Amino acid sequence: MSSGVLLSARDISVRFGGVLAVNKVSFDVHRGEVFTLIGPNGAGKTTVFNLISRIYTPTSGSIEYDGTPLLAHAPHEIAQLGIARTFQNIELFEHATVLQNLLIGRHVHRETGFWSQLFFTRATRDAEVRARHKAEEVIELLELQKHRDSLVAGLPYGVRKVVELARALCTEPKLLLLDEPSSGLNVEETDDMAFWIRDIRDELGVTVLMVEHDMALVSKVSDRVLAMNQGEVLALGSPSEVQSHPGVVEAYLGSAGDVESLRRKAA
């Protein structure tokens, strides 16, 4: 894992009306690491993702990506900067094939202009070949060969999750944002997802920022973990350090008194 910082958030806050959804959250994501945000529902994790994706603009604070102010960029420029994202609710073109969905992910690397594409010039044909080559590399990495020409609408949910991951990888990101990658997956599919996340980091050199509830997956793949609750930072450290932090235990299970009360009721 490189010691260089790829993404830096400083005192970011966002307010929706009278609700302070994120309150002065700060963290750094180092190049080549898997950094995971955890916390109960409503903790503010996905809101932080939306701030980095520029879907939301923070009320205060700053975000730097690769040494430049991220907030100076419009949402449609984020993919071109090298940031890709998956969503908790799958966002694919259901009536297109797997390959077509992946090629859409290559659009950010468009190399030719309108007239060249209109007349399908040699430069456009060469660019199409390069795009197809990259898509095939991702298909092989994620073992999607048998689904290449299948319509997304006919695929099982677990395969669709992998296709969305594949499309994000086709943008050739430096930073990959994974929002609940194991959501809706069975145990075997979750194990596969853990394997692919490690491969994405180790083989492709992509830095991963993840929101996840499955603590087994978090422990398997994460270098560092940031725990949040009610929009604030609770703890930051290794998976084992964060899981044993008293504030994190209380956020998930309640106070020691609450736990003892539950034990008495169970008895």
Protein backbone atom coordinates (compact mmCIF):
# COMPACT_ATOMS: atom_id res chain seq x y z
CA MET A 1 0.00 0.00 0.00
CA SER A 2 1.42 3.37 -1.03
CA SER A 3 1.67 6.07 1.62
CA GLY A 4 0.51 8.78 -0.82
CA VAL A 5 -2.91 10.26 -0.20
CA LEU A 6 -5.33 9.95 -3.14
CA LEU A 7 -8.47 11.37 -1.50
CA SER A 8 -8.64 13.76 1.45
CA ALA A 9 -11.82 14.99 3.15
CA ARG A 10 -11.53 17.77 5.71
CA ASP A 11 -14.37 18.76 8.06
CA ILE A 12 -17.06 18.03 5.47
CA SER A 13 -20.60 18.76 6.60
CA VAL A 14 -23.91 18.77 4.75
CA ARG A 15 -27.29 19.94 5.95
CA PHE A 16 -30.67 19.13 4.44
CA GLY A 17 -33.07 21.70 5.83
CA GLY A 18 -32.85 21.31 9.59
CA VAL A 19 -31.09 17.92 9.44
CA LEU A 20 -27.31 17.81 9.79
CA ALA A 21 -26.64 14.61 7.81
CA VAL A 22 -22.82 14.77 7.97
CA ASN A 23 -20.98 16.73 10.64
CA LYS A 24 -17.30 17.68 10.26
CA VAL A 25 -16.10 14.34 8.90
CA SER A 26 -12.39 14.08 8.03
CA PHE A 27 -10.39 11.19 6.60
CA ASP A 28 -7.64 10.33 4.08
CA VAL A 29 -7.69 7.45 1.60
CA HIS A 30 -4.20 6.27 0.63
CA ARG A 31 -3.29 5.02 -2.82
CA GLY A 32 -3.61 1.28 -3.18
CA GLU A 33 -5.72 0.63 -0.08
CA VAL A 34 -9.24 -0.62 0.57
CA PHE A 35 -10.86 1.94 2.89
CA THR A 36 -14.31 1.10 4.25
CA LEU A 37 -17.05 3.21 5.81
CA ILE A 38 -19.28 1.35 8.27
CA GLY A 39 -22.09 2.33 10.59
CA PRO A 40 -25.78 1.77 11.32
CA ASN A 41 -28.47 2.79 8.85
CA GLY A 42 -28.70 6.56 8.65
CA ALA A 43 -25.11 7.07 9.82
CA GLY A 44 -24.27 9.24 6.79
CA LYS A 45 -22.10 6.79 4.85
CA THR A 46 -23.87 7.02 1.50
CA THR A 47 -24.19 10.78 1.92
CA VAL A 48 -20.38 10.93 2.11
CA PHE A 49 -20.27 8.89 -1.12
CA ASN A 50 -22.67 11.34 -2.74
CA LEU A 51 -20.45 14.23 -1.69
CA ILE A 52 -17.42 12.60 -3.31
CA SER A 53 -19.47 11.80 -6.44
CA ARG A 54 -20.56 15.47 -6.52
CA ILE A 55 -24.22 14.46 -6.39
CA TYR A 56 -24.34 16.65 -3.27
CA THR A 57 -22.29 19.73 -2.43
CA PRO A 58 -21.08 20.02 1.16
CA THR A 59 -22.38 22.87 3.29
CA SER A 60 -18.84 23.31 4.58
CA GLY A 61 -15.47 21.61 4.39
CA SER A 62 -13.23 20.54 1.52
CA ILE A 63 -12.43 17.43 -0.53
CA GLU A 64 -9.19 16.97 -2.46
CA TYR A 65 -8.63 14.24 -5.03
CA ASP A 66 -5.18 13.51 -6.38
CA GLY A 67 -3.96 16.88 -5.11
CA THR A 68 -6.71 18.99 -6.69
CA PRO A 69 -9.94 20.46 -5.21
CA LEU A 70 -12.73 18.04 -6.11
CA LEU A 71 -15.47 20.57 -5.45
CA ALA A 72 -14.24 22.69 -8.37
CA HIS A 73 -15.50 19.98 -10.75
CA ALA A 74 -19.03 19.39 -11.98
CA PRO A 75 -20.67 15.97 -11.44
CA HIS A 76 -20.30 15.01 -15.12
CA GLU A 77 -16.53 15.51 -14.88
CA ILE A 78 -15.98 13.04 -12.04
CA ALA A 79 -15.57 9.93 -14.21
CA GLN A 80 -13.00 11.72 -16.38
CA LEU A 81 -10.97 12.47 -13.25
CA GLY A 82 -10.67 8.72 -12.59
CA ILE A 83 -13.47 8.15 -10.06
CA ALA A 84 -16.00 5.39 -10.73
CA ARG A 85 -18.92 4.23 -8.63
CA THR A 86 -21.38 1.41 -8.15
CA PHE A 87 -24.72 1.84 -6.40
CA GLN A 88 -26.57 -0.07 -3.69
CA ASN A 89 -29.53 -0.28 -6.09
CA ILE A 90 -28.20 -1.60 -9.39
CA GLU A 91 -28.18 0.99 -12.19
CA LEU A 92 -27.72 -0.90 -15.48
CA PHE A 93 -29.31 -0.77 -18.94
CA GLU A 94 -31.48 -3.86 -18.57
CA HIS A 95 -32.37 -4.26 -22.25
CA ALA A 96 -28.74 -4.11 -23.37
CA THR A 97 -26.26 -6.97 -23.21
CA VAL A 98 -23.48 -7.29 -20.67
CA LEU A 99 -20.90 -6.31 -23.29
CA GLN A 100 -22.93 -3.28 -24.36
CA ASN A 101 -23.18 -2.11 -20.75
CA LEU A 102 -19.41 -2.41 -20.37
CA LEU A 103 -18.77 -0.50 -23.59
CA ILE A 104 -20.93 2.32 -22.25
CA GLY A 105 -18.43 2.52 -19.41
CA ARG A 106 -15.74 3.21 -22.02
CA HIS A 107 -17.56 6.35 -23.19
CA VAL A 108 -15.49 8.46 -20.80
CA HIS A 109 -12.42 7.56 -22.89
CA ARG A 110 -13.95 8.71 -26.17
CA GLU A 111 -11.04 9.46 -28.51
CA THR A 112 -12.74 10.80 -31.64
CA GLY A 113 -15.10 13.64 -32.45
CA PHE A 114 -18.60 13.84 -33.87
CA TRP A 115 -17.70 13.81 -37.58
CA SER A 116 -15.21 10.99 -37.19
CA GLN A 117 -17.85 8.89 -35.47
CA LEU A 118 -20.54 9.85 -37.96
CA PHE A 119 -18.47 8.60 -40.90
CA PHE A 120 -16.90 5.76 -38.91
CA THR A 121 -13.36 6.70 -39.91
CA ARG A 122 -10.25 4.61 -39.40
CA ALA A 123 -9.52 6.45 -36.14
CA THR A 124 -13.01 5.63 -34.85
CA ARG A 125 -12.67 1.98 -35.84
CA ASP A 126 -9.33 1.73 -34.04
CA ALA A 127 -10.83 3.35 -30.95
CA GLU A 128 -13.70 0.83 -31.03
CA VAL A 129 -11.21 -2.03 -31.12
CA ARG A 130 -9.34 -0.64 -28.11
CA ALA A 131 -12.59 -0.20 -26.20
CA ARG A 132 -13.65 -3.77 -26.98
CA HIS A 133 -10.24 -5.06 -25.92
CA LYS A 134 -10.52 -3.34 -22.53
CA ALA A 135 -14.06 -4.60 -22.02
CA GLU A 136 -12.92 -8.15 -22.77
CA GLU A 137 -10.10 -7.82 -20.21
CA VAL A 138 -12.65 -6.89 -17.53
CA ILE A 139 -14.99 -9.69 -18.60
CA GLU A 140 -12.13 -12.16 -18.17
CA LEU A 141 -11.09 -10.71 -14.80
CA LEU A 142 -14.61 -11.02 -13.36
CA GLU A 143 -15.39 -14.32 -15.13
CA LEU A 144 -18.35 -12.96 -17.09
CA GLN A 145 -17.52 -14.76 -20.36
CA LYS A 146 -20.66 -16.88 -20.44
CA HIS A 147 -22.84 -13.81 -19.87
CA ARG A 148 -21.12 -11.56 -22.45
CA ASP A 149 -24.01 -11.52 -24.95
CA SER A 150 -26.86 -11.97 -22.44
CA LEU A 151 -29.41 -9.24 -21.79
CA VAL A 152 -29.01 -7.83 -18.31
CA ALA A 153 -32.77 -8.16 -17.69
CA GLY A 154 -32.48 -11.96 -17.77
CA LEU A 155 -29.53 -12.28 -15.38
CA PRO A 156 -29.67 -13.30 -11.71
CA TYR A 157 -29.26 -10.47 -9.19
CA GLY A 158 -25.79 -11.60 -8.12
CA VAL A 159 -24.51 -11.53 -11.70
CA ARG A 160 -25.98 -8.07 -12.22
CA LYS A 161 -23.96 -6.81 -9.25
CA VAL A 162 -20.80 -8.10 -10.91
CA VAL A 163 -21.78 -6.50 -14.24
CA GLU A 164 -22.16 -3.12 -12.53
CA LEU A 165 -18.72 -3.59 -10.99
CA ALA A 166 -17.36 -4.49 -14.42
CA ARG A 167 -18.83 -1.39 -16.03
CA ALA A 168 -17.20 0.80 -13.37
CA LEU A 169 -13.84 -0.89 -14.04
CA CYS A 170 -14.18 -0.20 -17.76
CA THR A 171 -13.74 3.50 -17.01
CA GLU A 172 -10.21 2.61 -15.78
CA PRO A 173 -10.60 4.42 -12.45
CA LYS A 174 -7.92 5.39 -9.98
CA LEU A 175 -10.56 5.43 -7.22
CA LEU A 176 -13.48 2.98 -7.14
CA LEU A 177 -16.47 3.73 -4.89
CA LEU A 178 -18.41 0.59 -3.95
CA ASP A 179 -21.77 1.21 -2.27
CA GLU A 180 -22.87 -1.96 -0.44
CA PRO A 181 -21.22 -4.40 -2.89
CA SER A 182 -22.49 -7.46 -0.97
CA SER A 183 -26.09 -6.24 -0.67
CA GLY A 184 -28.47 -8.97 -1.86
CA LEU A 185 -25.69 -11.54 -2.38
CA ASN A 186 -25.57 -15.01 -0.86
CA VAL A 187 -22.57 -16.30 1.08
CA GLU A 188 -20.81 -17.79 -1.97
CA GLU A 189 -21.36 -14.64 -4.04
CA THR A 190 -20.06 -12.49 -1.18
CA ASP A 191 -16.90 -14.62 -1.01
CA ASP A 192 -16.44 -14.09 -4.75
CA MET A 193 -16.91 -10.35 -4.28
CA ALA A 194 -14.18 -10.31 -1.61
CA PHE A 195 -11.85 -12.12 -4.01
CA TRP A 196 -12.53 -9.62 -6.80
CA ILE A 197 -12.09 -6.58 -4.57
CA ARG A 198 -8.64 -7.84 -3.57
CA ASP A 199 -7.80 -8.51 -7.24
CA ILE A 200 -8.94 -5.03 -8.22
CA ARG A 201 -6.55 -3.56 -5.68
CA ASP A 202 -3.65 -5.96 -6.16
CA GLU A 203 -3.74 -6.63 -9.91
CA LEU A 204 -5.20 -3.39 -11.28
CA GLY A 205 -3.76 -1.04 -8.66
CA VAL A 206 -7.14 0.60 -8.08
CA THR A 207 -7.82 2.28 -4.74
CA VAL A 208 -11.17 1.21 -3.26
CA LEU A 209 -13.48 3.25 -1.02
CA MET A 210 -16.36 1.08 0.15
CA VAL A 211 -19.56 1.36 2.16
CA GLU A 212 -20.49 -2.03 3.62
CA HIS A 213 -22.61 -3.64 6.34
CA ASP A 214 -21.25 -7.19 6.08
CA MET A 215 -18.52 -7.16 8.71
CA ALA A 216 -17.08 -10.47 7.50
CA LEU A 217 -16.45 -8.91 4.08
CA VAL A 218 -15.11 -5.74 5.71
CA SER A 219 -12.63 -7.74 7.77
CA LYS A 220 -11.47 -9.78 4.75
CA VAL A 221 -10.67 -6.96 2.38
CA SER A 222 -10.23 -3.69 4.30
CA ASP A 223 -6.90 -2.11 5.16
CA ARG A 224 -8.58 0.57 7.27
CA VAL A 225 -12.11 1.23 8.47
CA LEU A 226 -13.94 4.42 9.41
CA ALA A 227 -17.00 3.97 11.65
CA MET A 228 -19.75 6.60 11.57
CA ASN A 229 -22.91 7.23 13.55
CA GLN A 230 -25.42 10.05 13.22
CA GLY A 231 -23.22 11.81 10.69
CA GLU A 232 -20.07 11.86 12.81
CA VAL A 233 -16.84 9.86 13.03
CA LEU A 234 -16.76 7.27 15.81
CA ALA A 235 -13.50 5.46 15.15
CA LEU A 236 -10.75 4.99 12.57
CA GLY A 237 -8.28 2.11 12.39
CA SER A 238 -7.85 -1.50 11.36
CA PRO A 239 -11.00 -3.66 11.09
CA SER A 240 -10.31 -5.35 14.45
CA GLU A 241 -9.56 -2.06 16.20
CA VAL A 242 -12.75 -0.42 14.96
CA GLN A 243 -15.00 -3.41 15.66
CA SER A 244 -13.83 -3.54 19.27
CA HIS A 245 -14.13 0.22 19.84
CA PRO A 246 -16.67 0.89 22.66
CA GLY A 247 -18.43 3.63 20.68
CA VAL A 248 -18.89 1.31 17.69
CA VAL A 249 -20.19 -1.52 19.88
CA GLU A 250 -22.69 0.87 21.47
CA ALA A 251 -23.81 2.24 18.09
CA TYR A 252 -24.62 -1.27 16.86
CA LEU A 253 -25.77 -2.98 20.07
CA GLY A 254 -26.72 -0.16 22.43
CA SER A 255 -25.14 0.73 25.77
CA ALA A 256 -23.87 -1.85 28.24
CA GLY A 257 -27.08 -1.33 30.22
CA ASP A 258 -29.21 -2.00 27.13
CA VAL A 259 -27.31 -5.22 26.41
CA GLU A 260 -27.67 -6.41 30.02
CA SER A 261 -31.39 -5.65 29.90
CA LEU A 262 -31.77 -7.76 26.74
CA ARG A 263 -29.91 -10.62 28.41
CA ARG A 264 -32.24 -10.53 31.40
CA LYS A 265 -35.29 -10.57 29.14
CA ALA A 266 -33.89 -13.49 27.15
CA ALA A 267 -33.29 -15.41 30.36
